[in-house]
Protein backbone atom coordinates (compact mmCIF):
# COMPACT_ATOMS: atom_id res chain seq x y z
CA MET A 1 0.00 0.00 0.00
CA ILE A 2 1.04 3.57 -0.62
CA PRO A 3 1.55 5.45 2.65
CA ILE A 4 -1.25 7.94 3.35
CA GLU A 5 1.22 10.84 3.46
CA VAL A 6 2.33 10.03 -0.09
CA GLU A 7 -1.30 9.83 -1.25
CA HIS A 8 -1.99 13.24 0.27
CA ARG A 9 1.01 14.79 -1.45
CA ILE A 10 -0.01 13.32 -4.82
CA ALA A 11 -3.60 14.49 -4.37
CA SER A 12 -2.44 17.97 -3.36
CA TYR A 13 -0.27 18.20 -6.48
CA PHE A 14 -3.15 17.31 -8.81
CA PHE A 15 -5.55 19.50 -6.84
CA ARG A 16 -3.43 22.62 -7.38
CA ARG A 17 -2.22 21.77 -10.88
CA TYR A 18 -5.36 20.60 -12.66
CA LEU A 19 -8.40 22.16 -11.02
CA PRO A 20 -9.53 25.33 -12.76
CA GLU A 21 -8.85 28.50 -10.81
CA GLU A 22 -12.59 29.22 -10.53
CA VAL A 23 -13.03 25.93 -8.66
CA LEU A 24 -10.20 26.73 -6.25
CA ILE A 25 -11.66 30.19 -5.61
CA GLU A 26 -15.11 28.72 -4.94
CA LEU A 27 -13.66 26.12 -2.57
CA GLU A 28 -11.87 28.83 -0.60
CA ARG A 29 -14.98 31.05 -0.61
CA VAL A 30 -17.11 28.26 0.88
CA LEU A 31 -14.68 26.36 3.10
CA LEU A 32 -12.56 29.13 4.61
CA PRO A 33 -15.40 30.79 6.56
CA LEU A 34 -16.48 27.40 7.90
CA CYS A 35 -12.94 26.74 9.11
CA LEU A 36 -12.62 30.19 10.68
CA MET A 37 -15.99 29.96 12.47
CA VAL A 38 -14.92 26.96 14.50
CA GLU A 39 -13.62 27.82 17.92
CA GLU A 40 -10.24 26.39 18.83
CA GLU A 41 -11.61 23.97 21.42
CA ILE A 42 -14.19 22.51 19.02
CA GLU A 43 -13.00 19.88 16.53
CA ILE A 44 -13.87 20.75 12.95
CA ASP A 45 -15.85 18.08 11.05
CA LYS A 46 -13.31 17.28 8.35
CA ASP A 47 -15.54 14.66 6.75
CA GLU A 48 -18.24 17.30 6.20
CA LEU A 49 -15.70 19.72 4.71
CA VAL A 50 -14.56 16.99 2.30
CA ARG A 51 -18.17 16.28 1.29
CA ILE A 52 -18.79 19.98 0.63
CA ALA A 53 -15.59 20.26 -1.40
CA LEU A 54 -16.40 17.18 -3.47
CA ASP A 55 -19.88 18.54 -4.23
CA ILE A 56 -18.36 21.82 -5.46
CA ILE A 57 -15.70 20.05 -7.54
CA GLU A 58 -18.24 17.67 -9.10
CA HIS A 59 -20.56 20.57 -9.91
CA TYR A 60 -17.84 22.51 -11.74
CA LEU A 61 -16.36 19.49 -13.51
CA GLU A 62 -19.62 17.80 -14.47
CA GLY A 63 -19.28 16.33 -17.94
CA LYS A 64 -15.59 17.20 -18.27
CA HIS A 65 -12.93 14.55 -18.75
CA PHE A 66 -9.22 14.69 -18.00
CA LYS A 67 -6.45 12.87 -19.82
């Protein structure tokens, strides 16, 4: 198996390199306030943030294919 840290680095590379800038801007617009609203002593629901991000990415990339 590939170590999880390596998977994260690969995913981060493709995330920044291949997602259109408009998608990255929308992700920041939606996710950043959610992250900032959370008080330090409260654990942020990372699974929910991932679900929100995937919904945004799928919406923007619907019908598009990558080679």
